[in-house]
Amino acid sequence: MRLRSPWAYFALLFSAVPVALIVLASIGGLTETQLVGIPVVPVYTLFGLPIDLIVRDIAMACTLGFALVGGVLNDRPHALLGKFTSVFALIWLVTLVFQSVLTVSEVLALSAGESLNLVILQSLLTQTTVGQVILAQFVLVSLVALLGWVVLGKVTGWIVVGLAATAAFLPGLTGHSGISEGHNAASIALGFHLVFMGVWIGGLVALVWYVKTSENVSRTVINRYSLLAAISVVVVVESGLLNASMRVDGIAPYLTSTYGAIIIAKVTIVVVLVGFGWRHRQELAHSPGESTPRQLVQLASGELLWMGAVIGLAVALSRTAPPAFAVAAEPINFGVLALLALALPLALVHFYPALGRVAHKGLLAKYPEAAAVFMVVLIFVVTELMQSGALANVIGIQFAAFIVFVVVIGAGLLFVADQYRKPSLPALLVFFLGWCAVIYWQLVQRELPLDVGTLFVTFGVIGLLVFLWIRPRSIECDTAPVEREQVEVRP
C-alpha cells in the first residue's frame, strides 16, 4: 500500500487508539465504578487519559525519530525534519498538560473543571513521582521544541537527541512501587524500552517523511536507520522481557492473566514487525539503488499500522495490574489460548515460510479435519488440567505452564502451517465450533457470564480463521517471486 501524503503514514500509528480501547473495555477499564460512598471517576477521564497517553507516546517517538534522522543520521542537518522535530515536541508538551489534569481527575475522581485547581496541580507536580516526572519532561521537551529547528551540525543534533531521549526515558521511573527488589533494574529496563521503541517507530516515520519530501535521497541514511532499527529491536525485546519478569511470578501467570495475554500479544506483534523488517531488508538489498526509496515507502505502511497496535497494547498494559503469585487450579486466559494456538503460529508461518514448510510435514497434514478435532481436544484438555490443578499438583505450577506453552504452540504451528498452505473450510469450521463449545463449557464450569473480553477474543479467532481461509497462495508461492527477483537483478 502506497500513500501519497507523509501525514497518512503518520496517521497509521493511531491504530493504537482502537486497540487500547478494545483491550481496556474488555477488562472493565473504561467502566465507571459505582460504589456507595466512593467518588466516581468521570467517564471522559477513563477514555481521555489512555488516548492522551497514546498521543503522547506517538509524539515522543516522532520527536526522537525526526531528531535522529534529521540531525544525526544525515550527513548534514535536514531543515524540514528539524522543524517537524519542534512541531512534535510541541504536541508532546500539550499532551503532558492534559496528562496532568486527567491524572488529577482520575486519582481524586474530580471533574475536569475541578482538576484545574492550581493548588492540586502544584501538589501533583511537586509531591508525587508521576508529577515530578511530568514536570521534568516538560522542561526537557521545551528545550527540544526550541532547539529542534536550529540544529547546525552533528554536535547540536546529538544534543537535541540526548534531550529527547532523556525525556522519553523518564516515565520508566514511575509505576514500579510494587517491586521491592530490583526497583532500579526495572526502572532502567523500562526506560530503555521506551527510548528504543521511540527510536524504532519514530525513526521509520521520519525516514518515510525524508524520502517523500526530499529530492535527493541518500541511501546511506536508509542503511544507517536499518542498522539502528535492528539494534532497537534487540534492546526493546530484552528490556521488555526483563521488565515483565520482575513483575510476574514465573511463567504461569502469563497463561492465566490479562496482563500476560497483553505481553504475549506484544511479543506476537514484535514477531510480525521483525518479519516485516527482514522482508524489507531482503527486498531493498536486491533492488537497484534508485528504486530503494520508492520500495521503502511502499513497505512501511503495514509496518507502521502494526507499530501503532504495539503502542496501544503498551498503554493498555500500563493501566493493567500485574498478576499476583501463581497458584494451582487457576484457569487459562482465553486470550492467551487464542494467541498461542493461532496468532503466534500464524505470524511465524506467514513471515518465516521455511518454518511453515517444516511444520507442514506433520502426520495430520493429510487430514485437516482430524487436525482441527485434535486442536479442539487439546485446548479442552489443557484448560481442564490447568483449571483442576491436576497437572500442577503433580509436576508444579511453573513446569505445568511450560508444558502447556510448548504443546499448544507446537500443535498450533502444525495446524496453522497446514491451513496456510491448503486451507480447508470444514477444518476451520470444526475448529471454530469446537472453540465456542470449549469456551461455553469453561464459562459454565466457572459459573461466569459471557463477558466483553470473551466476545472480543472470539471475534479475534474468527478474524484469524478467515485470514487463513482467504490465503490464495501456498508457502512455496510466497517465496518464489523473491527468488526470481534475486536472479533477475544479479549481474
Protein backbone atom coordinates (compact mmCIF):
# COMPACT_ATOMS: atom_id res chain seq x y z
CA MET A 1 0.00 0.00 0.00
CA ARG A 2 1.49 3.31 -1.12
CA LEU A 3 0.08 6.51 0.37
CA ARG A 4 0.62 9.92 -1.20
CA SER A 5 0.98 12.15 1.82
CA PRO A 6 3.58 11.55 4.57
CA TRP A 7 0.88 12.58 7.05
CA ALA A 8 -1.04 9.45 6.04
CA TYR A 9 1.85 7.27 7.21
CA PHE A 10 1.91 9.16 10.50
CA ALA A 11 -1.86 8.63 10.85
CA LEU A 12 -1.38 4.85 10.64
CA LEU A 13 0.11 4.93 14.14
CA PHE A 14 -3.29 5.90 15.51
CA SER A 15 -4.40 2.30 15.09
CA ALA A 16 -3.21 2.39 18.72
CA VAL A 17 -6.45 4.09 19.80
CA PRO A 18 -8.95 1.31 18.93
CA VAL A 19 -6.51 -1.38 20.11
CA ALA A 20 -6.06 0.25 23.53
CA LEU A 21 -9.77 0.99 23.97
CA ILE A 22 -10.80 -2.54 22.99
CA VAL A 23 -8.36 -4.11 25.46
CA LEU A 24 -9.31 -1.71 28.25
CA ALA A 25 -13.04 -2.21 27.58
CA SER A 26 -12.57 -5.99 27.73
CA ILE A 27 -11.09 -5.75 31.26
CA GLY A 28 -13.52 -3.12 32.53
CA GLY A 29 -11.01 -0.29 32.40
CA LEU A 30 -13.48 2.08 30.75
CA THR A 31 -16.39 1.48 33.12
CA GLU A 32 -17.28 3.78 36.00
CA THR A 33 -17.07 2.11 39.41
CA GLN A 34 -20.38 2.60 41.18
CA LEU A 35 -19.85 2.07 44.92
CA VAL A 36 -21.78 3.79 47.68
CA GLY A 37 -19.69 6.50 49.30
CA ILE A 38 -16.87 6.22 46.72
CA PRO A 39 -16.37 9.11 44.26
CA VAL A 40 -16.85 8.17 40.61
CA VAL A 41 -14.16 8.88 38.02
CA PRO A 42 -15.78 10.75 35.08
CA VAL A 43 -16.22 8.59 32.00
CA TYR A 44 -14.43 11.13 29.80
CA THR A 45 -11.37 10.74 32.03
CA LEU A 46 -11.47 6.96 31.64
CA PHE A 47 -11.42 7.40 27.86
CA GLY A 48 -9.41 10.60 27.70
CA LEU A 49 -6.34 9.58 29.72
CA PRO A 50 -5.47 6.48 27.62
CA ILE A 51 -5.97 8.45 24.40
CA ASP A 52 -3.78 11.25 25.75
CA LEU A 53 -1.07 8.73 26.67
CA ILE A 54 -1.24 7.28 23.15
CA VAL A 55 -0.84 10.71 21.54
CA ARG A 56 1.99 11.44 23.98
CA ASP A 57 3.83 8.23 23.07
CA ILE A 58 3.39 8.84 19.34
CA ALA A 59 4.60 12.44 19.67
CA MET A 60 7.51 11.27 21.81
CA ALA A 61 8.53 8.65 19.24
CA CYS A 62 8.25 11.10 16.34
CA THR A 63 10.21 13.79 18.20
CA LEU A 64 13.03 11.33 18.84
CA GLY A 65 12.87 9.84 15.33
CA PHE A 66 12.85 13.17 13.50
CA ALA A 67 15.71 14.45 15.64
CA LEU A 68 17.75 11.34 14.79
CA VAL A 69 17.05 11.21 11.06
CA GLY A 70 17.15 14.97 10.56
CA GLY A 71 20.13 15.84 12.73
CA VAL A 72 22.29 12.73 13.19
CA LEU A 73 21.77 10.08 10.51
CA ASN A 74 22.01 12.66 7.72
CA ASP A 75 25.46 13.89 6.78
CA ARG A 76 24.15 17.44 7.14
CA PRO A 77 21.12 18.73 9.08
CA HIS A 78 17.79 18.42 7.30
CA ALA A 79 15.90 21.70 7.84
CA LEU A 80 12.38 20.35 7.29
CA LEU A 81 12.85 17.38 9.61
CA GLY A 82 14.29 19.73 12.22
CA LYS A 83 11.18 21.89 12.08
CA PHE A 84 8.97 18.84 12.49
CA THR A 85 11.07 17.81 15.47
CA SER A 86 9.91 21.03 17.12
CA VAL A 87 6.31 20.50 15.97
CA PHE A 88 6.09 17.04 17.51
CA ALA A 89 7.81 18.30 20.65
CA LEU A 90 5.08 20.94 20.99
CA ILE A 91 2.42 18.23 20.62
CA TRP A 92 4.27 16.27 23.32
CA LEU A 93 4.10 19.33 25.60
CA VAL A 94 0.35 19.67 25.10
CA THR A 95 -0.20 16.01 25.98
CA LEU A 96 1.79 16.49 29.19
CA VAL A 97 -0.54 19.30 30.21
CA PHE A 98 -3.59 17.14 29.57
CA GLN A 99 -1.92 14.21 31.34
CA SER A 100 -1.51 16.33 34.49
CA VAL A 101 -5.15 17.41 34.54
CA LEU A 102 -6.54 13.96 33.68
CA THR A 103 -4.31 12.26 36.25
CA VAL A 104 -5.73 14.53 38.97
CA SER A 105 -9.23 13.77 37.69
CA GLU A 106 -8.59 10.01 37.81
CA VAL A 107 -6.80 9.86 41.18
CA LEU A 108 -9.19 12.18 43.03
CA ALA A 109 -12.33 11.42 40.97
CA LEU A 110 -12.81 15.09 40.11
CA SER A 111 -14.38 16.69 37.08
CA ALA A 112 -12.19 18.39 34.50
CA GLY A 113 -13.02 21.83 35.88
CA GLU A 114 -12.21 20.84 39.45
CA SER A 115 -8.94 19.22 38.29
CA LEU A 116 -7.71 22.59 37.00
CA ASN A 117 -7.28 23.78 40.59
CA LEU A 118 -3.74 25.21 40.70
CA VAL A 119 -3.13 24.09 44.28
CA ILE A 120 -3.97 20.47 43.45
CA LEU A 121 -1.89 20.55 40.24
CA GLN A 122 1.06 22.01 42.13
CA SER A 123 0.80 19.23 44.70
CA LEU A 124 0.76 16.63 41.93
CA LEU A 125 3.79 18.10 40.14
CA THR A 126 5.92 18.63 43.24
CA GLN A 127 4.93 15.91 45.72
CA THR A 128 4.38 12.78 43.61
CA THR A 129 6.78 10.78 41.44
CA VAL A 130 4.41 10.89 38.48
CA GLY A 131 4.09 14.68 38.74
CA GLN A 132 7.84 15.21 39.11
CA VAL A 133 8.46 13.11 36.00
CA ILE A 134 5.87 15.14 34.07
CA LEU A 135 7.49 18.38 35.23
CA ALA A 136 11.00 17.22 34.27
CA GLN A 137 9.71 16.06 30.88
CA PHE A 138 8.06 19.43 30.34
CA VAL A 139 11.37 21.25 30.85
CA LEU A 140 13.36 18.89 28.60
CA VAL A 141 10.77 18.78 25.83
CA SER A 142 10.51 22.58 25.88
CA LEU A 143 14.25 22.73 25.16
CA VAL A 144 13.80 20.24 22.31
CA ALA A 145 11.00 22.37 20.86
CA LEU A 146 13.24 25.45 20.96
CA LEU A 147 16.39 23.79 19.60
CA GLY A 148 14.96 21.25 17.15
CA TRP A 149 14.61 23.65 14.24
CA VAL A 150 18.03 25.31 14.65
CA VAL A 151 20.26 22.21 14.51
CA LEU A 152 23.52 23.34 12.89
CA GLY A 153 25.56 20.14 12.82
CA LYS A 154 26.18 16.73 14.37
CA VAL A 155 27.04 18.18 17.79
CA THR A 156 23.82 20.17 18.16
CA GLY A 157 21.94 17.25 16.60
CA TRP A 158 23.21 14.90 19.30
CA ILE A 159 22.29 17.43 21.98
CA VAL A 160 18.68 17.53 20.78
CA VAL A 161 18.57 13.72 20.53
CA GLY A 162 20.01 13.44 24.04
CA LEU A 163 17.38 15.79 25.47
CA ALA A 164 14.55 13.95 23.71
CA ALA A 165 15.90 10.53 24.76
CA THR A 166 16.20 11.64 28.38
CA ALA A 167 12.61 12.90 28.37
CA ALA A 168 11.46 9.61 26.83
CA PHE A 169 13.40 7.65 29.47
CA LEU A 170 11.86 9.40 32.49
CA PRO A 171 8.44 7.62 32.55
CA GLY A 172 10.37 4.45 33.32
CA LEU A 173 10.96 5.84 36.79
CA THR A 174 7.26 5.54 37.63
CA GLY A 175 4.99 2.54 38.07
CA HIS A 176 7.34 0.24 40.00
CA SER A 177 6.37 0.94 43.56
CA GLY A 178 5.11 -2.62 43.83
CA ILE A 179 8.56 -4.05 43.11
CA SER A 180 10.51 -4.02 46.36
CA GLU A 181 13.56 -5.77 44.95
CA GLY A 182 15.09 -4.79 41.64
CA HIS A 183 13.40 -1.38 41.55
CA ASN A 184 16.37 0.28 39.86
CA ALA A 185 16.80 -2.53 37.35
CA ALA A 186 13.10 -2.45 36.46
CA SER A 187 13.16 1.34 36.07
CA ILE A 188 16.23 1.27 33.85
CA ALA A 189 14.84 -1.59 31.75
CA LEU A 190 11.53 0.22 31.21
CA GLY A 191 13.32 3.48 30.41
CA PHE A 192 15.49 1.87 27.73
CA HIS A 193 12.42 0.05 26.42
CA LEU A 194 10.62 3.37 25.90
CA VAL A 195 13.62 5.11 24.32
CA PHE A 196 14.45 2.41 21.78
CA MET A 197 10.80 1.82 20.97
CA GLY A 198 10.63 5.52 20.13
CA VAL A 199 13.78 5.28 18.01
CA TRP A 200 12.37 2.31 16.11
CA ILE A 201 8.89 3.69 15.49
CA GLY A 202 9.64 7.39 15.22
CA GLY A 203 12.69 6.73 13.08
CA LEU A 204 10.59 4.90 10.49
CA VAL A 205 8.04 7.73 10.36
CA ALA A 206 10.85 10.27 9.94
CA LEU A 207 12.55 8.14 7.29
CA VAL A 208 9.35 7.93 5.23
CA TRP A 209 8.92 11.68 5.64
CA TYR A 210 12.52 12.20 4.49
CA VAL A 211 12.01 10.01 1.43
CA LYS A 212 8.67 11.61 0.48
CA THR A 213 9.86 15.23 0.84
CA SER A 214 13.47 15.11 -0.38
CA GLU A 215 14.58 15.40 -3.99
CA ASN A 216 17.92 13.67 -3.46
CA VAL A 217 17.53 10.76 -1.08
CA SER A 218 20.71 9.32 0.40
CA ARG A 219 20.75 5.55 0.65
CA THR A 220 23.28 5.98 3.47
CA VAL A 221 20.53 7.38 5.69
CA ILE A 222 18.35 4.35 4.95
CA ASN A 223 21.18 1.93 5.71
CA ARG A 224 22.02 3.73 8.96
CA TYR A 225 18.41 3.60 10.11
CA SER A 226 18.23 -0.09 9.17
CA LEU A 227 21.18 -0.86 11.45
CA LEU A 228 19.75 1.30 14.23
CA ALA A 229 16.36 -0.40 13.91
CA ALA A 230 17.98 -3.83 14.26
CA ILE A 231 19.73 -2.70 17.45
CA SER A 232 16.47 -1.18 18.72
CA VAL A 233 14.59 -4.46 18.22
CA VAL A 234 17.12 -6.34 20.34
CA VAL A 235 17.03 -3.75 23.14
CA VAL A 236 13.22 -3.49 23.07
CA VAL A 237 12.76 -7.27 23.34
CA GLU A 238 15.43 -7.75 26.01
CA SER A 239 14.32 -4.80 28.16
CA GLY A 240 10.64 -5.69 27.79
CA LEU A 241 11.18 -9.29 28.89
CA LEU A 242 13.39 -8.19 31.79
CA ASN A 243 10.80 -5.68 32.98
CA ALA A 244 7.98 -8.22 32.68
CA SER A 245 9.97 -10.89 34.53
CA MET A 246 10.27 -8.58 37.54
CA ARG A 247 6.51 -8.08 37.68
CA VAL A 248 5.36 -11.66 37.07
CA ASP A 249 5.97 -14.73 39.27
CA GLY A 250 7.43 -17.18 36.75
CA ILE A 251 5.72 -18.15 33.50
CA ALA A 252 2.45 -19.50 34.93
CA PRO A 253 0.76 -16.06 35.30
CA TYR A 254 1.35 -15.44 31.60
CA LEU A 255 -1.17 -18.21 30.96
CA THR A 256 -3.80 -17.13 33.45
CA SER A 257 -3.86 -13.31 33.49
CA THR A 258 -4.91 -10.46 31.25
CA TYR A 259 -1.52 -8.90 31.93
CA GLY A 260 0.16 -11.99 30.50
CA ALA A 261 -2.18 -12.00 27.48
CA ILE A 262 -1.21 -8.42 26.62
CA ILE A 263 2.50 -9.25 26.88
CA ILE A 264 2.10 -12.30 24.63
CA ALA A 265 0.15 -10.14 22.16
CA LYS A 266 3.04 -7.65 22.15
CA VAL A 267 5.51 -10.48 21.55
CA THR A 268 3.38 -11.73 18.66
CA ILE A 269 3.33 -8.30 17.04
CA VAL A 270 7.09 -7.95 17.53
CA VAL A 271 7.44 -11.24 15.61
CA VAL A 272 5.34 -9.66 12.85
CA LEU A 273 7.45 -6.48 12.85
CA VAL A 274 10.71 -8.42 12.75
CA GLY A 275 9.27 -10.35 9.82
CA PHE A 276 8.42 -7.07 8.07
CA GLY A 277 11.92 -5.78 8.72
CA TRP A 278 13.56 -8.93 7.41
CA ARG A 279 11.48 -8.87 4.22
CA HIS A 280 12.20 -5.16 3.73
CA ARG A 281 15.91 -5.69 4.19
CA GLN A 282 15.96 -8.58 1.70
CA GLU A 283 13.98 -6.72 -0.93
CA LEU A 284 15.94 -3.48 -0.56
CA ALA A 285 19.24 -5.34 -0.65
CA HIS A 286 18.40 -6.88 -4.03
CA SER A 287 16.88 -3.78 -5.63
CA PRO A 288 18.60 -1.12 -7.75
CA GLY A 289 19.70 1.94 -5.78
CA GLU A 290 17.26 4.31 -7.47
CA SER A 291 14.24 2.16 -6.60
CA THR A 292 15.07 1.87 -2.89
CA PRO A 293 13.14 4.98 -1.69
CA ARG A 294 10.03 4.01 -3.63
CA GLN A 295 10.09 0.50 -2.19
CA LEU A 296 10.69 1.83 1.31
CA VAL A 297 7.50 3.90 1.41
CA GLN A 298 5.50 1.04 -0.10
CA LEU A 299 6.69 -1.38 2.56
CA ALA A 300 6.40 0.99 5.52
CA SER A 301 2.60 1.32 5.64
CA GLY A 302 1.85 -2.14 7.00
CA GLU A 303 4.73 -1.91 9.46
CA LEU A 304 3.50 1.41 10.88
CA LEU A 305 -0.01 0.02 11.29
CA TRP A 306 1.34 -2.80 13.46
CA MET A 307 3.60 -0.38 15.33
CA GLY A 308 0.50 1.59 16.25
CA ALA A 309 -1.03 -1.60 17.64
CA VAL A 310 2.07 -2.09 19.82
CA ILE A 311 1.67 1.44 21.21
CA GLY A 312 -1.97 0.74 22.02
CA LEU A 313 -1.09 -2.51 23.79
CA ALA A 314 1.68 -0.74 25.72
CA VAL A 315 -0.75 1.90 27.02
CA ALA A 316 -3.29 -0.78 27.94
CA LEU A 317 -0.54 -2.74 29.72
CA SER A 318 0.49 0.32 31.72
CA ARG A 319 -3.07 0.55 33.04
CA THR A 320 -3.39 -3.15 33.86
CA ALA A 321 -2.40 -4.50 37.27
CA PRO A 322 0.31 -7.21 37.24
CA PRO A 323 -0.95 -10.64 38.36
CA ALA A 324 -0.48 -11.97 41.87
CA PHE A 325 1.60 -15.03 42.72
CA ALA A 326 0.94 -18.13 40.66
CA VAL A 327 -1.40 -20.65 42.24
CA ALA A 328 -2.61 -24.07 41.15
CA ALA A 329 -6.12 -24.59 39.75
CA GLU A 330 -6.18 -21.16 38.09
CA PRO A 331 -7.90 -21.24 34.66
CA ILE A 332 -6.12 -20.29 31.44
CA ASN A 333 -6.98 -16.89 29.99
CA PHE A 334 -8.98 -17.27 26.76
CA GLY A 335 -6.95 -14.56 25.03
CA VAL A 336 -3.71 -16.40 25.80
CA LEU A 337 -5.13 -19.59 24.28
CA ALA A 338 -6.11 -17.78 21.07
CA LEU A 339 -2.67 -16.17 20.82
CA LEU A 340 -0.73 -19.37 21.42
CA ALA A 341 -2.89 -21.64 19.28
CA LEU A 342 -3.49 -19.31 16.32
CA ALA A 343 -1.98 -15.82 16.33
CA LEU A 344 1.65 -16.57 17.17
CA PRO A 345 1.85 -19.65 14.89
CA LEU A 346 0.26 -17.65 12.06
CA ALA A 347 2.83 -14.85 12.48
CA LEU A 348 5.67 -17.39 12.40
CA VAL A 349 4.33 -19.24 9.35
CA HIS A 350 3.46 -16.07 7.44
CA PHE A 351 6.82 -14.35 7.81
CA TYR A 352 9.11 -17.36 8.06
CA PRO A 353 8.00 -19.75 5.28
CA ALA A 354 10.82 -22.24 5.93
CA LEU A 355 9.43 -22.87 9.40
CA GLY A 356 5.99 -23.37 7.91
CA ARG A 357 7.27 -25.92 5.40
CA VAL A 358 8.88 -27.94 8.18
CA ALA A 359 5.74 -27.81 10.33
CA HIS A 360 3.56 -28.80 7.38
CA LYS A 361 5.23 -32.21 7.16
CA GLY A 362 3.43 -33.42 10.27
CA LEU A 363 1.32 -36.57 10.41
CA LEU A 364 -2.00 -34.71 10.46
CA ALA A 365 -1.22 -32.65 7.34
CA LYS A 366 -3.16 -35.07 5.13
CA TYR A 367 -6.20 -34.99 7.40
CA PRO A 368 -7.10 -31.31 8.10
CA GLU A 369 -10.43 -32.11 9.74
CA ALA A 370 -8.73 -34.56 12.09
CA ALA A 371 -6.11 -31.90 12.85
CA ALA A 372 -8.90 -29.45 13.75
CA VAL A 373 -10.54 -32.00 16.06
CA PHE A 374 -7.14 -32.67 17.65
CA MET A 375 -6.64 -28.94 18.30
CA VAL A 376 -10.07 -28.62 19.92
CA VAL A 377 -9.49 -31.67 22.13
CA LEU A 378 -6.04 -30.36 23.07
CA ILE A 379 -7.42 -26.95 24.06
CA PHE A 380 -10.15 -28.64 26.11
CA VAL A 381 -7.66 -30.93 27.87
CA VAL A 382 -5.15 -28.20 28.78
CA THR A 383 -7.89 -25.89 30.07
CA GLU A 384 -9.35 -28.68 32.21
CA LEU A 385 -5.95 -29.75 33.54
CA MET A 386 -4.97 -26.19 34.47
CA GLN A 387 -8.35 -25.33 35.99
CA SER A 388 -8.48 -28.51 38.06
CA GLY A 389 -4.87 -28.17 39.16
CA ALA A 390 -4.26 -31.85 38.41
CA LEU A 391 -1.14 -31.26 36.34
CA ALA A 392 0.23 -28.52 38.59
CA ASN A 393 -0.15 -30.64 41.72
CA VAL A 394 1.92 -33.42 40.17
CA ILE A 395 4.79 -31.54 38.48
CA GLY A 396 4.47 -28.00 39.86
CA ILE A 397 2.65 -24.95 38.53
CA GLN A 398 5.60 -23.46 36.64
CA PHE A 399 6.61 -26.67 34.85
CA ALA A 400 2.96 -27.37 34.04
CA ALA A 401 2.66 -23.91 32.47
CA PHE A 402 5.84 -24.51 30.47
CA ILE A 403 4.45 -27.78 29.10
CA VAL A 404 1.20 -26.05 28.13
CA PHE A 405 3.13 -23.32 26.32
CA VAL A 406 5.20 -25.81 24.32
CA VAL A 407 2.35 -28.17 23.48
CA VAL A 408 -0.19 -25.52 22.45
CA ILE A 409 2.28 -23.52 20.34
CA GLY A 410 3.65 -26.69 18.71
CA ALA A 411 0.21 -28.08 17.87
CA GLY A 412 -0.95 -24.66 16.69
CA LEU A 413 2.08 -24.40 14.41
CA LEU A 414 1.26 -27.74 12.79
CA PHE A 415 -2.40 -26.83 12.32
CA VAL A 416 -1.78 -23.30 11.02
CA ALA A 417 1.01 -24.38 8.65
CA ASP A 418 -1.32 -26.94 7.07
CA GLN A 419 -4.21 -24.48 6.75
CA TYR A 420 -1.94 -21.72 5.46
CA ARG A 421 -0.71 -23.98 2.67
CA LYS A 422 -4.05 -25.50 1.72
CA PRO A 423 -6.99 -24.14 3.72
CA SER A 424 -9.93 -26.43 4.41
CA LEU A 425 -13.25 -24.79 5.17
CA PRO A 426 -14.61 -27.84 7.07
CA ALA A 427 -11.47 -27.90 9.24
CA LEU A 428 -11.75 -24.21 10.02
CA LEU A 429 -15.43 -24.57 10.87
CA VAL A 430 -14.69 -27.55 13.12
CA PHE A 431 -12.05 -25.51 14.93
CA PHE A 432 -14.34 -22.51 15.39
CA LEU A 433 -17.34 -24.53 16.59
CA GLY A 434 -15.09 -26.52 18.88
CA TRP A 435 -13.56 -23.31 20.24
CA CYS A 436 -17.04 -21.92 21.02
CA ALA A 437 -18.02 -25.20 22.73
CA VAL A 438 -14.88 -25.20 24.91
CA ILE A 439 -15.36 -21.55 25.90
CA TYR A 440 -19.02 -22.17 26.75
CA TRP A 441 -18.11 -25.20 28.84
CA GLN A 442 -15.47 -23.25 30.74
CA LEU A 443 -17.87 -20.39 31.45
CA VAL A 444 -20.49 -22.85 32.73
CA GLN A 445 -17.93 -24.62 34.89
CA ARG A 446 -16.80 -21.34 36.44
CA GLU A 447 -20.39 -20.04 36.68
CA LEU A 448 -19.39 -16.91 34.79
CA PRO A 449 -21.46 -14.85 32.32
CA LEU A 450 -20.35 -14.19 28.76
CA ASP A 451 -18.29 -11.00 29.14
CA VAL A 452 -16.97 -8.40 26.70
CA GLY A 453 -13.43 -9.79 26.81
CA THR A 454 -14.54 -13.27 25.75
CA LEU A 455 -16.54 -11.79 22.88
CA PHE A 456 -13.54 -9.79 21.65
CA VAL A 457 -11.33 -12.89 21.80
CA THR A 458 -13.93 -14.89 19.86
CA PHE A 459 -14.10 -12.21 17.16
CA GLY A 460 -10.31 -12.31 17.02
CA VAL A 461 -10.39 -16.07 16.45
CA ILE A 462 -12.92 -15.57 13.66
CA GLY A 463 -10.63 -12.99 12.04
CA LEU A 464 -7.61 -15.31 12.17
CA LEU A 465 -9.57 -18.22 10.70
CA VAL A 466 -10.96 -16.00 7.92
CA PHE A 467 -7.42 -14.86 7.11
CA LEU A 468 -6.32 -18.49 6.82
CA TRP A 469 -9.25 -19.25 4.52
CA ILE A 470 -8.71 -16.35 2.12
CA ARG A 471 -4.98 -17.02 1.70
CA PRO A 472 -4.84 -17.75 -2.07
CA ARG A 473 -1.19 -18.81 -2.28
CA SER A 474 0.86 -21.62 -0.85
CA ILE A 475 4.03 -21.21 1.17
CA GLU A 476 6.15 -22.07 -1.86
CA CYS A 477 4.37 -19.46 -3.96
CA ASP A 478 5.14 -16.78 -1.37
CA THR A 479 8.88 -17.32 -1.72
CA ALA A 480 9.06 -17.86 -5.47
CA PRO A 481 8.71 -14.19 -6.59
CA VAL A 482 11.54 -13.13 -4.29
CA GLU A 483 13.81 -15.83 -5.66
CA ARG A 484 13.03 -14.88 -9.26
CA GLU A 485 13.65 -11.21 -8.50
CA GLN A 486 17.02 -12.04 -6.99
CA VAL A 487 18.03 -13.94 -10.11
CA GLU A 488 17.00 -11.07 -12.38
CA VAL A 489 18.93 -8.31 -10.61
CA ARG A 490 22.19 -10.19 -10.20
CA PRO A 491 24.75 -9.30 -12.86
